[in-house]
Amino acid sequence: MPLPSFDTLLLLGLVGGLGVTYLLLAPAALMAWLHWRWHTMGKVERLLSYGLVFLLFPGLILLAPFVNLRPAGRQGEP
């Protein structure tokens, strides 16, 4: 079986890179941004953030089982 051409490998690399960015990197950055700015966002920033949530929804669903955003418990209680 012959090796794929350079153009084919380049295309596969670009599609793979875009897929990783869309499904992992951008949603992780958005989750961090939302966690950091949740209580201080203005109206326009919140609207844009929700638009990004809609756009990156598949990646957010993939990362959701690995994220714990619950508040920390009180220290010193049994």
N, C-alpha and C. Protein backbone atom coordinates (compact mmCIF):
# COMPACT_ATOMS: atom_id res chain seq x y z
N MET A 1 0.85 -1.18 0.00
CA MET A 1 0.00 0.00 0.00
C MET A 1 0.90 1.25 0.00
N PRO A 2 0.67 2.17 -0.94
CA PRO A 2 1.53 3.36 -1.01
C PRO A 2 1.23 4.33 0.14
N LEU A 3 2.25 5.09 0.49
CA LEU A 3 2.09 6.10 1.54
C LEU A 3 1.22 7.26 1.02
N PRO A 4 0.42 7.86 1.90
CA PRO A 4 -0.37 9.01 1.46
C PRO A 4 0.54 10.19 1.09
N SER A 5 0.06 11.03 0.22
CA SER A 5 0.86 12.18 -0.21
C SER A 5 0.97 13.20 0.93
N PHE A 6 1.91 14.11 0.77
CA PHE A 6 2.13 15.16 1.76
C PHE A 6 0.88 16.01 1.94
N ASP A 7 0.19 16.31 0.84
CA ASP A 7 -1.04 17.12 0.92
C ASP A 7 -2.11 16.43 1.76
N THR A 8 -2.24 15.11 1.59
CA THR A 8 -3.22 14.37 2.36
C THR A 8 -2.87 14.38 3.84
N LEU A 9 -1.60 14.17 4.16
CA LEU A 9 -1.17 14.20 5.56
C LEU A 9 -1.34 15.59 6.17
N LEU A 10 -1.06 16.61 5.39
CA LEU A 10 -1.25 17.98 5.86
C LEU A 10 -2.72 18.25 6.15
N LEU A 11 -3.59 17.82 5.26
CA LEU A 11 -5.02 18.01 5.46
C LEU A 11 -5.50 17.27 6.71
N LEU A 12 -5.06 16.02 6.89
CA LEU A 12 -5.44 15.26 8.09
C LEU A 12 -4.94 15.93 9.36
N GLY A 13 -3.72 16.46 9.31
CA GLY A 13 -3.18 17.17 10.47
C GLY A 13 -3.96 18.44 10.79
N LEU A 14 -4.34 19.19 9.76
CA LEU A 14 -5.12 20.41 9.98
C LEU A 14 -6.51 20.10 10.53
N VAL A 15 -7.16 19.10 9.97
CA VAL A 15 -8.50 18.72 10.45
C VAL A 15 -8.40 18.21 11.88
N GLY A 16 -7.39 17.41 12.19
CA GLY A 16 -7.20 16.92 13.55
C GLY A 16 -6.92 18.05 14.53
N GLY A 17 -6.08 19.01 14.12
CA GLY A 17 -5.79 20.16 14.97
C GLY A 17 -7.02 21.02 15.23
N LEU A 18 -7.80 21.25 14.19
CA LEU A 18 -9.04 22.02 14.38
C LEU A 18 -10.03 21.27 15.26
N GLY A 19 -10.09 19.95 15.10
CA GLY A 19 -10.99 19.15 15.92
C GLY A 19 -10.60 19.19 17.39
N VAL A 20 -9.32 19.07 17.67
CA VAL A 20 -8.86 19.15 19.07
C VAL A 20 -9.13 20.53 19.64
N THR A 21 -8.90 21.56 18.84
CA THR A 21 -9.16 22.92 19.31
C THR A 21 -10.64 23.12 19.59
N TYR A 22 -11.51 22.65 18.69
CA TYR A 22 -12.95 22.85 18.84
C TYR A 22 -13.53 22.01 19.97
N LEU A 23 -13.04 20.78 20.14
CA LEU A 23 -13.64 19.88 21.12
C LEU A 23 -12.97 19.90 22.48
N LEU A 24 -11.74 20.38 22.59
CA LEU A 24 -11.04 20.33 23.88
C LEU A 24 -10.51 21.68 24.34
N LEU A 25 -9.71 22.34 23.54
CA LEU A 25 -9.01 23.53 24.00
C LEU A 25 -9.93 24.73 24.19
N ALA A 26 -10.73 25.06 23.19
CA ALA A 26 -11.62 26.22 23.30
C ALA A 26 -12.69 26.02 24.39
N PRO A 27 -13.34 24.85 24.51
CA PRO A 27 -14.30 24.68 25.61
C PRO A 27 -13.64 24.74 26.99
N ALA A 28 -12.43 24.21 27.12
CA ALA A 28 -11.75 24.29 28.42
C ALA A 28 -11.43 25.74 28.77
N ALA A 29 -11.00 26.52 27.79
CA ALA A 29 -10.74 27.95 28.03
C ALA A 29 -12.03 28.69 28.38
N LEU A 30 -13.12 28.34 27.69
CA LEU A 30 -14.41 28.98 27.99
C LEU A 30 -14.89 28.62 29.39
N MET A 31 -14.74 27.37 29.80
CA MET A 31 -15.14 26.98 31.16
C MET A 31 -14.34 27.75 32.20
N ALA A 32 -13.04 27.87 31.98
CA ALA A 32 -12.21 28.62 32.92
C ALA A 32 -12.64 30.08 32.97
N TRP A 33 -12.91 30.66 31.80
CA TRP A 33 -13.35 32.07 31.74
C TRP A 33 -14.68 32.26 32.47
N LEU A 34 -15.64 31.38 32.23
CA LEU A 34 -16.93 31.50 32.89
C LEU A 34 -16.81 31.34 34.40
N HIS A 35 -15.96 30.40 34.84
CA HIS A 35 -15.76 30.19 36.27
C HIS A 35 -15.12 31.40 36.93
N TRP A 36 -14.19 32.03 36.23
CA TRP A 36 -13.46 33.16 36.78
C TRP A 36 -14.31 34.44 36.80
N ARG A 37 -15.15 34.66 35.78
CA ARG A 37 -15.87 35.92 35.62
C ARG A 37 -17.36 35.85 35.95
N TRP A 38 -17.86 34.74 36.45
CA TRP A 38 -19.29 34.51 36.57
C TRP A 38 -20.02 35.63 37.31
N HIS A 39 -19.50 36.08 38.45
CA HIS A 39 -20.21 37.05 39.27
C HIS A 39 -19.90 38.50 38.92
N THR A 40 -19.00 38.74 38.00
CA THR A 40 -18.63 40.12 37.67
C THR A 40 -18.91 40.49 36.22
N MET A 41 -19.54 39.61 35.45
CA MET A 41 -19.80 39.89 34.03
C MET A 41 -20.83 40.99 33.86
N GLY A 42 -20.61 41.79 32.83
CA GLY A 42 -21.63 42.73 32.42
C GLY A 42 -22.62 42.06 31.47
N LYS A 43 -23.62 42.82 31.05
CA LYS A 43 -24.67 42.24 30.20
C LYS A 43 -24.14 41.79 28.85
N VAL A 44 -23.31 42.60 28.22
CA VAL A 44 -22.81 42.28 26.89
C VAL A 44 -21.84 41.10 26.97
N GLU A 45 -20.98 41.11 27.98
CA GLU A 45 -20.04 40.00 28.15
C GLU A 45 -20.77 38.69 28.40
N ARG A 46 -21.84 38.74 29.19
CA ARG A 46 -22.62 37.53 29.46
C ARG A 46 -23.30 37.04 28.18
N LEU A 47 -23.81 37.95 27.38
CA LEU A 47 -24.44 37.57 26.12
C LEU A 47 -23.43 36.91 25.17
N LEU A 48 -22.24 37.48 25.07
CA LEU A 48 -21.21 36.89 24.22
C LEU A 48 -20.75 35.54 24.76
N SER A 49 -20.66 35.42 26.08
CA SER A 49 -20.27 34.14 26.69
C SER A 49 -21.31 33.07 26.39
N TYR A 50 -22.57 33.41 26.49
CA TYR A 50 -23.62 32.43 26.19
C TYR A 50 -23.62 32.06 24.71
N GLY A 51 -23.29 33.00 23.85
CA GLY A 51 -23.14 32.67 22.43
C GLY A 51 -22.01 31.68 22.20
N LEU A 52 -20.90 31.85 22.93
CA LEU A 52 -19.80 30.89 22.81
C LEU A 52 -20.19 29.53 23.40
N VAL A 53 -20.99 29.51 24.45
CA VAL A 53 -21.48 28.24 24.99
C VAL A 53 -22.31 27.52 23.93
N PHE A 54 -23.16 28.24 23.24
CA PHE A 54 -23.96 27.65 22.17
C PHE A 54 -23.06 27.12 21.05
N LEU A 55 -22.03 27.89 20.69
CA LEU A 55 -21.13 27.51 19.61
C LEU A 55 -20.26 26.30 19.98
N LEU A 56 -19.81 26.24 21.22
CA LEU A 56 -18.88 25.19 21.65
C LEU A 56 -19.55 24.09 22.46
N PHE A 57 -20.86 23.95 22.34
CA PHE A 57 -21.62 23.00 23.15
C PHE A 57 -21.11 21.56 23.07
N PRO A 58 -20.76 21.02 21.90
CA PRO A 58 -20.28 19.63 21.88
C PRO A 58 -19.04 19.41 22.74
N GLY A 59 -18.11 20.35 22.70
CA GLY A 59 -16.90 20.23 23.51
C GLY A 59 -17.20 20.38 24.99
N LEU A 60 -18.15 21.25 25.33
CA LEU A 60 -18.52 21.42 26.74
C LEU A 60 -19.15 20.14 27.29
N ILE A 61 -19.94 19.48 26.47
CA ILE A 61 -20.55 18.20 26.89
C ILE A 61 -19.46 17.15 27.11
N LEU A 62 -18.45 17.12 26.24
CA LEU A 62 -17.36 16.16 26.41
C LEU A 62 -16.55 16.41 27.68
N LEU A 63 -16.36 17.66 28.05
CA LEU A 63 -15.55 17.99 29.23
C LEU A 63 -16.35 18.00 30.53
N ALA A 64 -17.65 18.07 30.46
CA ALA A 64 -18.48 18.23 31.65
C ALA A 64 -18.27 17.15 32.73
N PRO A 65 -18.10 15.87 32.39
CA PRO A 65 -17.91 14.88 33.45
C PRO A 65 -16.62 15.06 34.26
N PHE A 66 -15.68 15.81 33.74
CA PHE A 66 -14.39 15.97 34.40
C PHE A 66 -14.25 17.27 35.17
N VAL A 67 -15.32 18.06 35.24
CA VAL A 67 -15.26 19.38 35.87
C VAL A 67 -16.12 19.37 37.13
N ASN A 68 -15.57 19.92 38.20
CA ASN A 68 -16.30 20.04 39.45
C ASN A 68 -16.31 21.52 39.83
N LEU A 69 -17.45 22.16 39.68
CA LEU A 69 -17.56 23.58 39.99
C LEU A 69 -18.32 23.83 41.29
N ARG A 70 -18.50 22.81 42.09
CA ARG A 70 -19.18 23.00 43.36
C ARG A 70 -18.31 23.82 44.30
N PRO A 71 -18.92 24.60 45.19
CA PRO A 71 -18.10 25.38 46.13
C PRO A 71 -17.39 24.45 47.11
N ALA A 72 -16.25 24.90 47.57
CA ALA A 72 -15.48 24.11 48.54
C ALA A 72 -16.21 24.04 49.87
N GLY A 73 -16.08 22.92 50.55
CA GLY A 73 -16.72 22.77 51.85
C GLY A 73 -16.04 23.61 52.92
N ARG A 74 -16.69 23.74 54.04
CA ARG A 74 -16.12 24.50 55.14
C ARG A 74 -14.98 23.73 55.76
N GLN A 75 -13.98 24.44 56.19
CA GLN A 75 -12.80 23.81 56.81
C GLN A 75 -13.09 23.50 58.28
N GLY A 76 -12.65 22.34 58.73
CA GLY A 76 -12.74 22.00 60.14
C GLY A 76 -14.02 21.29 60.56
N GLU A 77 -14.95 21.08 59.66
CA GLU A 77 -16.18 20.36 60.02
C GLU A 77 -16.02 18.88 59.69
N PRO A 78 -16.56 17.99 60.53
CA PRO A 78 -16.44 16.56 60.24
C PRO A 78 -17.28 16.10 59.10
